[in-house]
Amino acid sequence: MKNHGNRRGQSSKRNRRQISGIVLLDKGLGLSSNAALQEVKHLYEAAKAGHTGSLDPLATGVLPLCLGEATKVSQFLLDSDKAYRARIKLGVRTDSGDRDGTVVSQADASQISEREIKRELERFMGVIQQVPPMHSAIKRDGVPLYKLARKGIEVEREAREVEIYDIGLLRTEGDEIEVEVSCSKGTYIRTLADDLGERLGCGAHISGLRRTQAGAFLEPQCVTVETLKQIKEAEGLAGLDRILVPMDRAVEQLPEVRLPGIAADSVKHGQSVLVRHLPAEGLVRLYEEEQFIGIGVIDDDGKVAPRRLVTTH
């Protein structure tokens, strides 16, 4: 019986599609990034899928998911700048920095003025040092910190350098404020809220969080899991495939290099080639005529060498 089961499992895996592209998901509340990924992978019947940096279950919004060969550009989305809208509750500090944590201190925040809040927010602008929260996916000896935190274990974390490009107060309502943040990769908005609470002397935590941008991708471009289900029901896989974003959109900030057929073949075989109008240095997007074939890098000889190639079907 077990063998039949294995054969069925192998058969269903074989039937999964070699589909490539990016799904711009508007992640729902309470869903982990991995659960969202598995749901989308299942809907697309995709053989391979990966996400581009996780969003907490508490957070909603922009979560680009890479299918098939697009997983090879996921690192570029992981490294991209982000933007968020966050609701922050003043007067209550939690161990996780968000509303799902245990309350560790409370204080009266009623006398804090909007002017004080704006002044402290402005002090976050620019390059700052942040200590990652214990409730994060950063690993210590191979174990994610959040797993240690759940066991009540706290370990020393090194401060990391992040950059806040813009931060502004959108509104205040009682002891809750809403802020907009534009920042570099690796910025923890929960830590930002916790640090703000410390500076205001009252404690604070995230009560709601929405990612509004990840790299080139913006909130209005995204679709929910529910919408994907409706499209599949109405139009089948063809309908889902129509809303896939081409994978080169994830790296559109890189200079474009178009290779003639012979040069493209050489690059696909791991060789560096010299073509006209190359940038002086850095990473580039490579195309064989109109077809995106991956990421290249300008080497010391001024030639373009393959860095991360994608398989074209």
C-alpha atoms as a PDB file:
ATOM      1  CA  MET A   1       0.000   0.000   0.000  1.00  0.00           C
ATOM      2  CA  LYS A   2       2.809   2.378   0.924  1.00  0.00           C
ATOM      3  CA  ASN A   3       4.368   1.989  -2.533  1.00  0.00           C
ATOM      4  CA  HIS A   4       1.105   2.964  -4.241  1.00  0.00           C
ATOM      5  CA  GLY A   5       0.970   6.072  -2.046  1.00  0.00           C
ATOM      6  CA  ASN A   6       4.535   7.000  -2.961  1.00  0.00           C
ATOM      7  CA  ARG A   7       3.805   6.557  -6.653  1.00  0.00           C
ATOM      8  CA  ARG A   8       0.740   8.793  -6.346  1.00  0.00           C
ATOM      9  CA  GLY A   9       2.826  11.418  -4.523  1.00  0.00           C
ATOM     10  CA  GLN A  10       5.518  11.288  -7.195  1.00  0.00           C
ATOM     11  CA  SER A  11       2.896  11.482  -9.926  1.00  0.00           C
ATOM     12  CA  SER A  12       1.253  14.607  -8.435  1.00  0.00           C
ATOM     13  CA  LYS A  13       4.684  16.225  -8.121  1.00  0.00           C
ATOM     14  CA  ARG A  14       5.434  15.424 -11.756  1.00  0.00           C
ATOM     15  CA  ASN A  15       2.142  17.030 -12.757  1.00  0.00           C
ATOM     16  CA  ARG A  16       3.050  20.348 -11.155  1.00  0.00           C
ATOM     17  CA  ARG A  17       3.695  23.097 -13.652  1.00  0.00           C
ATOM     18  CA  GLN A  18       7.053  24.602 -14.613  1.00  0.00           C
ATOM     19  CA  ILE A  19       5.563  28.075 -14.442  1.00  0.00           C
ATOM     20  CA  SER A  20       7.757  31.140 -13.824  1.00  0.00           C
ATOM     21  CA  GLY A  21       6.861  34.659 -12.735  1.00  0.00           C
ATOM     22  CA  ILE A  22       6.023  36.813  -9.728  1.00  0.00           C
ATOM     23  CA  VAL A  23       2.691  36.898  -7.901  1.00  0.00           C
ATOM     24  CA  LEU A  24       2.142  40.233  -6.151  1.00  0.00           C
ATOM     25  CA  LEU A  25       0.200  39.074  -3.133  1.00  0.00           C
ATOM     26  CA  ASP A  26      -1.674  41.290  -0.719  1.00  0.00           C
ATOM     27  CA  LYS A  27      -1.108  39.098   2.331  1.00  0.00           C
ATOM     28  CA  GLY A  28      -4.060  38.796   4.652  1.00  0.00           C
ATOM     29  CA  LEU A  29      -4.125  39.273   8.423  1.00  0.00           C
ATOM     30  CA  GLY A  30      -3.194  36.273  10.583  1.00  0.00           C
ATOM     31  CA  LEU A  31      -1.560  34.359   7.741  1.00  0.00           C
ATOM     32  CA  SER A  32       2.144  33.492   7.963  1.00  0.00           C
ATOM     33  CA  SER A  33       4.232  34.253   4.865  1.00  0.00           C
ATOM     34  CA  ASN A  34       4.910  30.547   4.403  1.00  0.00           C
ATOM     35  CA  ALA A  35       1.209  29.640   4.653  1.00  0.00           C
ATOM     36  CA  ALA A  36       0.464  32.322   2.034  1.00  0.00           C
ATOM     37  CA  LEU A  37       3.233  30.937  -0.185  1.00  0.00           C
ATOM     38  CA  GLN A  38       1.917  27.364   0.037  1.00  0.00           C
ATOM     39  CA  GLU A  39      -1.622  28.534  -0.768  1.00  0.00           C
ATOM     40  CA  VAL A  40      -0.471  30.416  -3.880  1.00  0.00           C
ATOM     41  CA  LYS A  41       1.835  27.580  -4.976  1.00  0.00           C
ATOM     42  CA  HIS A  42      -1.126  25.180  -4.688  1.00  0.00           C
ATOM     43  CA  LEU A  43      -3.464  27.495  -6.654  1.00  0.00           C
ATOM     44  CA  TYR A  44      -0.916  27.856  -9.467  1.00  0.00           C
ATOM     45  CA  GLU A  45      -0.072  24.116  -9.309  1.00  0.00           C
ATOM     46  CA  ALA A  46       3.546  25.294  -9.448  1.00  0.00           C
ATOM     47  CA  ALA A  47       6.515  22.945  -9.104  1.00  0.00           C
ATOM     48  CA  LYS A  48       8.624  25.528  -7.286  1.00  0.00           C
ATOM     49  CA  ALA A  49       7.937  28.690  -5.274  1.00  0.00           C
ATOM     50  CA  GLY A  50       9.637  30.974  -2.778  1.00  0.00           C
ATOM     51  CA  HIS A  51       8.865  34.185  -0.903  1.00  0.00           C
ATOM     52  CA  THR A  52      10.964  37.310  -0.740  1.00  0.00           C
ATOM     53  CA  GLY A  53      11.306  37.928   2.984  1.00  0.00           C
ATOM     54  CA  SER A  54       8.572  37.230   5.472  1.00  0.00           C
ATOM     55  CA  LEU A  55       5.795  39.424   6.820  1.00  0.00           C
ATOM     56  CA  ASP A  56       4.536  38.714  10.365  1.00  0.00           C
ATOM     57  CA  PRO A  57       1.054  37.143  10.644  1.00  0.00           C
ATOM     58  CA  LEU A  58       0.022  40.481  12.237  1.00  0.00           C
ATOM     59  CA  ALA A  59       1.118  42.381   9.094  1.00  0.00           C
ATOM     60  CA  THR A  60      -0.756  42.690   5.803  1.00  0.00           C
ATOM     61  CA  GLY A  61       0.191  43.995   2.386  1.00  0.00           C
ATOM     62  CA  VAL A  62       2.812  43.633  -0.322  1.00  0.00           C
ATOM     63  CA  LEU A  63       4.400  40.166  -0.407  1.00  0.00           C
ATOM     64  CA  PRO A  64       5.954  39.305  -3.790  1.00  0.00           C
ATOM     65  CA  LEU A  65       6.027  35.526  -4.305  1.00  0.00           C
ATOM     66  CA  CYS A  66       8.360  33.980  -6.874  1.00  0.00           C
ATOM     67  CA  LEU A  67       7.342  30.947  -8.930  1.00  0.00           C
ATOM     68  CA  GLY A  68       9.737  28.686 -10.831  1.00  0.00           C
ATOM     69  CA  GLU A  69      12.790  30.412 -12.282  1.00  0.00           C
ATOM     70  CA  ALA A  70      11.747  33.692 -10.633  1.00  0.00           C
ATOM     71  CA  THR A  71      13.066  32.260  -7.328  1.00  0.00           C
ATOM     72  CA  LYS A  72      16.520  33.069  -8.748  1.00  0.00           C
ATOM     73  CA  VAL A  73      15.784  36.807  -8.475  1.00  0.00           C
ATOM     74  CA  SER A  74      14.090  36.614  -5.052  1.00  0.00           C
ATOM     75  CA  GLN A  75      17.264  37.775  -3.279  1.00  0.00           C
ATOM     76  CA  PHE A  76      17.026  41.103  -5.088  1.00  0.00           C
ATOM     77  CA  LEU A  77      13.532  41.632  -3.671  1.00  0.00           C
ATOM     78  CA  LEU A  78      14.740  40.546  -0.241  1.00  0.00           C
ATOM     79  CA  ASP A  79      17.441  43.225  -0.443  1.00  0.00           C
ATOM     80  CA  SER A  80      15.103  45.950  -1.733  1.00  0.00           C
ATOM     81  CA  ASP A  81      13.776  49.006   0.089  1.00  0.00           C
ATOM     82  CA  LYS A  82      10.370  48.780   1.763  1.00  0.00           C
ATOM     83  CA  ALA A  83       7.561  51.099   2.899  1.00  0.00           C
ATOM     84  CA  TYR A  84       4.961  50.604   5.654  1.00  0.00           C
ATOM     85  CA  ARG A  85       1.946  52.144   7.342  1.00  0.00           C
ATOM     86  CA  ALA A  86       1.938  51.311  11.047  1.00  0.00           C
ATOM     87  CA  ARG A  87      -0.514  51.847  13.871  1.00  0.00           C
ATOM     88  CA  ILE A  88       1.320  52.314  17.174  1.00  0.00           C
ATOM     89  CA  LYS A  89      -0.326  52.159  20.583  1.00  0.00           C
ATOM     90  CA  LEU A  90       1.336  54.419  23.136  1.00  0.00           C
ATOM     91  CA  GLY A  91       1.471  53.665  26.861  1.00  0.00           C
ATOM     92  CA  VAL A  92       1.827  49.879  26.600  1.00  0.00           C
ATOM     93  CA  ARG A  93       5.088  48.020  25.973  1.00  0.00           C
ATOM     94  CA  THR A  94       5.087  44.329  25.005  1.00  0.00           C
ATOM     95  CA  ASP A  95       7.900  41.758  24.907  1.00  0.00           C
ATOM     96  CA  SER A  96       7.473  41.256  21.144  1.00  0.00           C
ATOM     97  CA  GLY A  97       6.945  44.896  20.194  1.00  0.00           C
ATOM     98  CA  ASP A  98       3.487  44.115  18.809  1.00  0.00           C
ATOM     99  CA  ARG A  99      -0.016  43.440  20.070  1.00  0.00           C
ATOM    100  CA  ASP A 100       0.485  39.653  20.111  1.00  0.00           C
ATOM    101  CA  GLY A 101       3.138  39.908  22.849  1.00  0.00           C
ATOM    102  CA  THR A 102       2.928  39.911  26.629  1.00  0.00           C
ATOM    103  CA  VAL A 103       2.541  43.324  28.283  1.00  0.00           C
ATOM    104  CA  VAL A 104       5.730  44.193  30.172  1.00  0.00           C
ATOM    105  CA  SER A 105       4.958  47.777  31.232  1.00  0.00           C
ATOM    106  CA  GLN A 106       2.187  50.376  31.126  1.00  0.00           C
ATOM    107  CA  ALA A 107       2.240  54.159  31.537  1.00  0.00           C
ATOM    108  CA  ASP A 108      -0.012  57.155  31.000  1.00  0.00           C
ATOM    109  CA  ALA A 109       0.467  58.551  27.482  1.00  0.00           C
ATOM    110  CA  SER A 110      -2.380  61.094  27.581  1.00  0.00           C
ATOM    111  CA  GLN A 111      -0.120  64.118  28.123  1.00  0.00           C
ATOM    112  CA  ILE A 112       2.165  63.425  25.132  1.00  0.00           C
ATOM    113  CA  SER A 113       1.646  66.068  22.457  1.00  0.00           C
ATOM    114  CA  GLU A 114       1.616  65.622  18.693  1.00  0.00           C
ATOM    115  CA  ARG A 115       4.584  68.000  18.562  1.00  0.00           C
ATOM    116  CA  GLU A 116       6.619  65.703  20.855  1.00  0.00           C
ATOM    117  CA  ILE A 117       5.733  62.665  18.752  1.00  0.00           C
ATOM    118  CA  LYS A 118       6.764  64.407  15.506  1.00  0.00           C
ATOM    119  CA  ARG A 119      10.025  65.591  17.061  1.00  0.00           C
ATOM    120  CA  GLU A 120      10.960  62.057  18.208  1.00  0.00           C
ATOM    121  CA  LEU A 121       9.958  60.526  14.867  1.00  0.00           C
ATOM    122  CA  GLU A 122      12.264  62.952  13.042  1.00  0.00           C
ATOM    123  CA  ARG A 123      15.174  61.720  15.149  1.00  0.00           C
ATOM    124  CA  PHE A 124      14.886  58.308  13.477  1.00  0.00           C
ATOM    125  CA  MET A 125      15.635  59.793  10.054  1.00  0.00           C
ATOM    126  CA  GLY A 126      18.836  58.660   8.339  1.00  0.00           C
ATOM    127  CA  VAL A 127      21.191  55.808   9.218  1.00  0.00           C
ATOM    128  CA  ILE A 128      20.383  54.352  12.656  1.00  0.00           C
ATOM    129  CA  GLN A 129      21.384  51.361  14.779  1.00  0.00           C
ATOM    130  CA  GLN A 130      18.650  48.821  15.533  1.00  0.00           C
ATOM    131  CA  VAL A 131      18.767  45.807  17.837  1.00  0.00           C
ATOM    132  CA  PRO A 132      16.633  43.104  16.132  1.00  0.00           C
ATOM    133  CA  PRO A 133      13.736  41.857  18.295  1.00  0.00           C
ATOM    134  CA  MET A 134      13.815  38.419  19.900  1.00  0.00           C
ATOM    135  CA  HIS A 135      10.596  37.703  18.009  1.00  0.00           C
ATOM    136  CA  SER A 136      12.343  37.663  14.612  1.00  0.00           C
ATOM    137  CA  ALA A 137      13.470  35.081  12.044  1.00  0.00           C
ATOM    138  CA  ILE A 138      17.172  35.878  12.546  1.00  0.00           C
ATOM    139  CA  LYS A 139      19.005  32.681  13.488  1.00  0.00           C
ATOM    140  CA  ARG A 140      21.336  31.993  16.399  1.00  0.00           C
ATOM    141  CA  ASP A 141      23.261  28.712  15.969  1.00  0.00           C
ATOM    142  CA  GLY A 142      20.736  27.696  13.311  1.00  0.00           C
ATOM    143  CA  VAL A 143      17.688  28.356  15.529  1.00  0.00           C
ATOM    144  CA  PRO A 144      15.336  31.292  14.705  1.00  0.00           C
ATOM    145  CA  LEU A 145      15.223  33.801  17.573  1.00  0.00           C
ATOM    146  CA  TYR A 146      11.414  33.643  17.758  1.00  0.00           C
ATOM    147  CA  LYS A 147      11.645  29.950  18.715  1.00  0.00           C
ATOM    148  CA  LEU A 148      13.959  30.833  21.609  1.00  0.00           C
ATOM    149  CA  ALA A 149      11.648  33.720  22.579  1.00  0.00           C
ATOM    150  CA  ARG A 150       8.668  31.335  22.783  1.00  0.00           C
ATOM    151  CA  LYS A 151      10.631  29.294  25.329  1.00  0.00           C
ATOM    152  CA  GLY A 152      11.303  32.449  27.351  1.00  0.00           C
ATOM    153  CA  ILE A 153      14.982  32.528  26.332  1.00  0.00           C
ATOM    154  CA  GLU A 154      16.560  35.891  25.534  1.00  0.00           C
ATOM    155  CA  VAL A 155      20.003  36.169  23.945  1.00  0.00           C
ATOM    156  CA  GLU A 156      22.272  39.106  23.153  1.00  0.00           C
ATOM    157  CA  ARG A 157      21.683  40.568  19.701  1.00  0.00           C
ATOM    158  CA  GLU A 158      24.097  42.800  17.867  1.00  0.00           C
ATOM    159  CA  ALA A 159      22.798  46.168  16.681  1.00  0.00           C
ATOM    160  CA  ARG A 160      22.422  46.443  12.912  1.00  0.00           C
ATOM    161  CA  GLU A 161      22.691  49.488  10.694  1.00  0.00           C
ATOM    162  CA  VAL A 162      19.506  50.368   8.809  1.00  0.00           C
ATOM    163  CA  GLU A 163      18.341  53.533   7.071  1.00  0.00           C
ATOM    164  CA  ILE A 164      15.077  55.405   7.490  1.00  0.00           C
ATOM    165  CA  TYR A 165      14.531  57.443   4.312  1.00  0.00           C
ATOM    166  CA  ASP A 166      11.292  59.025   5.458  1.00  0.00           C
ATOM    167  CA  ILE A 167       9.018  58.805   8.491  1.00  0.00           C
ATOM    168  CA  GLY A 168       5.910  60.858   9.138  1.00  0.00           C
ATOM    169  CA  LEU A 169       2.904  61.061  11.417  1.00  0.00           C
ATOM    170  CA  LEU A 170      -0.334  60.458   9.502  1.00  0.00           C
ATOM    171  CA  ARG A 171      -2.809  60.855  12.375  1.00  0.00           C
ATOM    172  CA  THR A 172      -3.350  60.600  16.123  1.00  0.00           C
ATOM    173  CA  GLU A 173      -6.429  59.126  17.775  1.00  0.00           C
ATOM    174  CA  GLY A 174      -6.412  58.929  21.569  1.00  0.00           C
ATOM    175  CA  ASP A 175      -3.408  56.832  22.601  1.00  0.00           C
ATOM    176  CA  GLU A 176      -2.936  55.418  19.093  1.00  0.00           C
ATOM    177  CA  ILE A 177      -0.949  57.007  16.258  1.00  0.00           C
ATOM    178  CA  GLU A 178      -0.484  56.049  12.617  1.00  0.00           C
ATOM    179  CA  VAL A 179       2.869  56.563  10.899  1.00  0.00           C
ATOM    180  CA  GLU A 180       4.271  56.065   7.419  1.00  0.00           C
ATOM    181  CA  VAL A 181       7.825  54.706   7.072  1.00  0.00           C
ATOM    182  CA  SER A 182      10.100  54.312   4.057  1.00  0.00           C
ATOM    183  CA  CYS A 183      13.232  52.303   4.898  1.00  0.00           C
ATOM    184  CA  SER A 184      16.073  50.026   3.857  1.00  0.00           C
ATOM    185  CA  LYS A 185      15.969  46.232   3.993  1.00  0.00           C
ATOM    186  CA  GLY A 186      16.276  44.680   7.450  1.00  0.00           C
ATOM    187  CA  THR A 187      14.397  47.458   9.259  1.00  0.00           C
ATOM    188  CA  TYR A 188      12.105  46.207  12.033  1.00  0.00           C
ATOM    189  CA  ILE A 189       9.052  48.443  12.428  1.00  0.00           C
ATOM    190  CA  ARG A 190       8.280  46.743  15.765  1.00  0.00           C
ATOM    191  CA  THR A 191      11.690  47.851  17.037  1.00  0.00           C
ATOM    192  CA  LEU A 192      11.008  51.350  15.713  1.00  0.00           C
ATOM    193  CA  ALA A 193       7.722  51.444  17.698  1.00  0.00           C
ATOM    194  CA  ASP A 194       9.409  50.087  20.838  1.00  0.00           C
ATOM    195  CA  ASP A 195      12.251  52.614  20.557  1.00  0.00           C
ATOM    196  CA  LEU A 196       9.748  55.445  20.021  1.00  0.00           C
ATOM    197  CA  GLY A 197       7.897  54.391  23.182  1.00  0.00           C
ATOM    198  CA  GLU A 198      11.175  54.445  25.122  1.00  0.00           C
ATOM    199  CA  ARG A 199      12.025  57.929  23.836  1.00  0.00           C
ATOM    200  CA  LEU A 200       8.570  59.231  24.752  1.00  0.00           C
ATOM    201  CA  GLY A 201       8.898  57.606  28.190  1.00  0.00           C
ATOM    202  CA  CYS A 202       5.627  55.711  27.985  1.00  0.00           C
ATOM    203  CA  GLY A 203       6.345  52.484  26.084  1.00  0.00           C
ATOM    204  CA  ALA A 204       4.643  51.555  22.799  1.00  0.00           C
ATOM    205  CA  HIS A 205       3.898  48.643  20.499  1.00  0.00           C
ATOM    206  CA  ILE A 206       2.613  47.934  16.985  1.00  0.00           C
ATOM    207  CA  SER A 207      -1.167  47.434  16.911  1.00  0.00           C
ATOM    208  CA  GLY A 208      -1.412  47.169  13.120  1.00  0.00           C
ATOM    209  CA  LEU A 209       1.066  46.996  10.236  1.00  0.00           C
ATOM    210  CA  ARG A 210       0.731  47.133   6.466  1.00  0.00           C
ATOM    211  CA  ARG A 211       3.562  46.918   3.937  1.00  0.00           C
ATOM    212  CA  THR A 212       2.784  49.323   1.102  1.00  0.00           C
ATOM    213  CA  GLN A 213       5.870  48.785  -1.050  1.00  0.00           C
ATOM    214  CA  ALA A 214       8.586  46.190  -1.686  1.00  0.00           C
ATOM    215  CA  GLY A 215      11.179  47.293  -4.233  1.00  0.00           C
ATOM    216  CA  ALA A 216       9.411  48.296  -7.453  1.00  0.00           C
ATOM    217  CA  PHE A 217       6.100  46.796  -6.343  1.00  0.00           C
ATOM    218  CA  LEU A 218       3.285  48.836  -4.793  1.00  0.00           C
ATOM    219  CA  GLU A 219       0.151  48.069  -2.786  1.00  0.00           C
ATOM    220  CA  PRO A 220      -2.397  48.812  -5.612  1.00  0.00           C
ATOM    221  CA  GLN A 221      -0.745  46.190  -7.870  1.00  0.00           C
ATOM    222  CA  CYS A 222      -1.394  43.349  -5.402  1.00  0.00           C
ATOM    223  CA  VAL A 223      -4.153  40.729  -5.243  1.00  0.00           C
ATOM    224  CA  THR A 224      -5.464  38.746  -2.282  1.00  0.00           C
ATOM    225  CA  VAL A 225      -5.629  34.943  -2.023  1.00  0.00           C
ATOM    226  CA  GLU A 226      -9.435  35.268  -2.244  1.00  0.00           C
ATOM    227  CA  THR A 227      -9.135  37.147  -5.562  1.00  0.00           C
ATOM    228  CA  LEU A 228      -6.752  34.497  -6.915  1.00  0.00           C
ATOM    229  CA  LYS A 229      -9.297  31.783  -5.991  1.00  0.00           C
ATOM    230  CA  GLN A 230     -12.074  33.706  -7.791  1.00  0.00           C
ATOM    231  CA  ILE A 231      -9.919  34.140 -10.915  1.00  0.00           C
ATOM    232  CA  LYS A 232      -9.073  30.436 -10.971  1.00  0.00           C
ATOM    233  CA  GLU A 233     -12.720  29.471 -10.569  1.00  0.00           C
ATOM    234  CA  ALA A 234     -13.812  31.809 -13.366  1.00  0.00           C
ATOM    235  CA  GLU A 235     -10.916  31.517 -15.826  1.00  0.00           C
ATOM    236  CA  GLY A 236      -8.803  28.554 -14.719  1.00  0.00           C
ATOM    237  CA  LEU A 237      -4.998  28.530 -14.752  1.00  0.00           C
ATOM    238  CA  ALA A 238      -4.916  30.751 -17.854  1.00  0.00           C
ATOM    239  CA  GLY A 239      -6.536  33.534 -15.826  1.00  0.00           C
ATOM    240  CA  LEU A 240      -3.969  33.162 -13.044  1.00  0.00           C
ATOM    241  CA  ASP A 241      -1.092  33.121 -15.524  1.00  0.00           C
ATOM    242  CA  ARG A 242      -2.293  36.412 -17.009  1.00  0.00           C
ATOM    243  CA  ILE A 243      -1.663  38.269 -13.751  1.00  0.00           C
ATOM    244  CA  LEU A 244       1.869  36.907 -13.290  1.00  0.00           C
ATOM    245  CA  VAL A 245       4.478  39.670 -13.330  1.00  0.00           C
ATOM    246  CA  PRO A 246       7.577  38.982 -15.487  1.00  0.00           C
ATOM    247  CA  MET A 247      10.563  38.127 -13.284  1.00  0.00           C
ATOM    248  CA  ASP A 248      12.805  40.856 -14.733  1.00  0.00           C
ATOM    249  CA  ARG A 249      10.515  43.463 -13.106  1.00  0.00           C
ATOM    250  CA  ALA A 250      12.166  42.502  -9.797  1.00  0.00           C
ATOM    251  CA  VAL A 251      15.518  43.775 -11.066  1.00  0.00           C
ATOM    252  CA  GLU A 252      14.416  46.664 -13.276  1.00  0.00           C
ATOM    253  CA  GLN A 253      16.720  49.021 -11.341  1.00  0.00           C
ATOM    254  CA  LEU A 254      19.722  47.233 -12.925  1.00  0.00           C
ATOM    255  CA  PRO A 255      21.064  48.447 -16.304  1.00  0.00           C
ATOM    256  CA  GLU A 256      19.827  46.421 -19.275  1.00  0.00           C
ATOM    257  CA  VAL A 257      22.243  44.609 -21.611  1.00  0.00           C
ATOM    258  CA  ARG A 258      20.920  43.010 -24.800  1.00  0.00           C
ATOM    259  CA  LEU A 259      23.085  40.236 -26.221  1.00  0.00           C
ATOM    260  CA  PRO A 260      23.107  38.959 -29.800  1.00  0.00           C
ATOM    261  CA  GLY A 261      22.500  35.206 -30.123  1.00  0.00           C
ATOM    262  CA  ILE A 262      26.161  34.144 -30.313  1.00  0.00           C
ATOM    263  CA  ALA A 263      27.165  36.232 -27.275  1.00  0.00           C
ATOM    264  CA  ALA A 264      24.122  34.959 -25.340  1.00  0.00           C
ATOM    265  CA  ASP A 265      25.143  31.350 -26.067  1.00  0.00           C
ATOM    266  CA  SER A 266      28.641  32.043 -24.727  1.00  0.00           C
ATOM    267  CA  VAL A 267      27.227  33.570 -21.532  1.00  0.00           C
ATOM    268  CA  LYS A 268      24.902  30.569 -21.085  1.00  0.00           C
ATOM    269  CA  HIS A 269      28.028  28.378 -21.222  1.00  0.00           C
ATOM    270  CA  GLY A 270      29.629  30.371 -18.409  1.00  0.00           C
ATOM    271  CA  GLN A 271      31.877  32.572 -20.552  1.00  0.00           C
ATOM    272  CA  SER A 272      32.445  36.339 -20.327  1.00  0.00           C
ATOM    273  CA  VAL A 273      31.734  38.344 -23.470  1.00  0.00           C
ATOM    274  CA  LEU A 274      32.578  41.830 -24.677  1.00  0.00           C
ATOM    275  CA  VAL A 275      29.659  43.763 -26.134  1.00  0.00           C
ATOM    276  CA  ARG A 276      29.162  47.437 -26.859  1.00  0.00           C
ATOM    277  CA  HIS A 277      27.653  50.002 -24.476  1.00  0.00           C
ATOM    278  CA  LEU A 278      28.340  48.093 -21.254  1.00  0.00           C
ATOM    279  CA  PRO A 279      28.282  49.946 -17.916  1.00  0.00           C
ATOM    280  CA  ALA A 280      31.664  50.381 -16.215  1.00  0.00           C
ATOM    281  CA  GLU A 281      30.850  48.030 -13.328  1.00  0.00           C
ATOM    282  CA  GLY A 282      28.174  46.284 -11.302  1.00  0.00           C
ATOM    283  CA  LEU A 283      25.260  43.973 -11.976  1.00  0.00           C
ATOM    284  CA  VAL A 284      23.167  44.062 -15.160  1.00  0.00           C
ATOM    285  CA  ARG A 285      19.971  42.536 -16.537  1.00  0.00           C
ATOM    286  CA  LEU A 286      20.746  40.232 -19.466  1.00  0.00           C
ATOM    287  CA  TYR A 287      18.510  39.688 -22.488  1.00  0.00           C
ATOM    288  CA  GLU A 288      18.895  37.490 -25.543  1.00  0.00           C
ATOM    289  CA  GLU A 289      17.116  39.735 -28.007  1.00  0.00           C
ATOM    290  CA  GLU A 290      13.785  40.297 -26.126  1.00  0.00           C
ATOM    291  CA  GLN A 291      14.062  37.304 -23.744  1.00  0.00           C
ATOM    292  CA  PHE A 292      15.303  37.865 -20.174  1.00  0.00           C
ATOM    293  CA  ILE A 293      18.034  35.312 -19.436  1.00  0.00           C
ATOM    294  CA  GLY A 294      19.268  36.407 -16.012  1.00  0.00           C
ATOM    295  CA  ILE A 295      21.718  38.584 -14.093  1.00  0.00           C
ATOM    296  CA  GLY A 296      25.216  39.359 -15.276  1.00  0.00           C
ATOM    297  CA  VAL A 297      28.159  41.244 -13.758  1.00  0.00           C
ATOM    298  CA  ILE A 298      30.812  43.420 -15.385  1.00  0.00           C
ATOM    299  CA  ASP A 299      34.191  41.751 -14.677  1.00  0.00           C
ATOM    300  CA  ASP A 300      37.643  43.324 -14.252  1.00  0.00           C
ATOM    301  CA  ASP A 301      38.290  43.108 -18.003  1.00  0.00           C
ATOM    302  CA  GLY A 302      35.167  45.151 -18.781  1.00  0.00           C
ATOM    303  CA  LYS A 303      33.349  42.079 -20.110  1.00  0.00           C
ATOM    304  CA  VAL A 304      29.935  40.854 -18.993  1.00  0.00           C
ATOM    305  CA  ALA A 305      29.968  37.533 -17.114  1.00  0.00           C
ATOM    306  CA  PRO A 306      27.011  35.382 -15.996  1.00  0.00           C
ATOM    307  CA  ARG A 307      26.021  35.745 -12.327  1.00  0.00           C
ATOM    308  CA  ARG A 308      22.561  34.145 -12.029  1.00  0.00           C
ATOM    309  CA  LEU A 309      20.996  32.760 -15.191  1.00  0.00           C
ATOM    310  CA  VAL A 310      17.413  31.631 -15.562  1.00  0.00           C
ATOM    311  CA  THR A 311      16.216  28.742 -17.696  1.00  0.00           C
ATOM    312  CA  THR A 312      13.896  29.846 -20.462  1.00  0.00           C
ATOM    313  CA  HIS A 313      11.086  27.506 -21.486  1.00  0.00           C
END
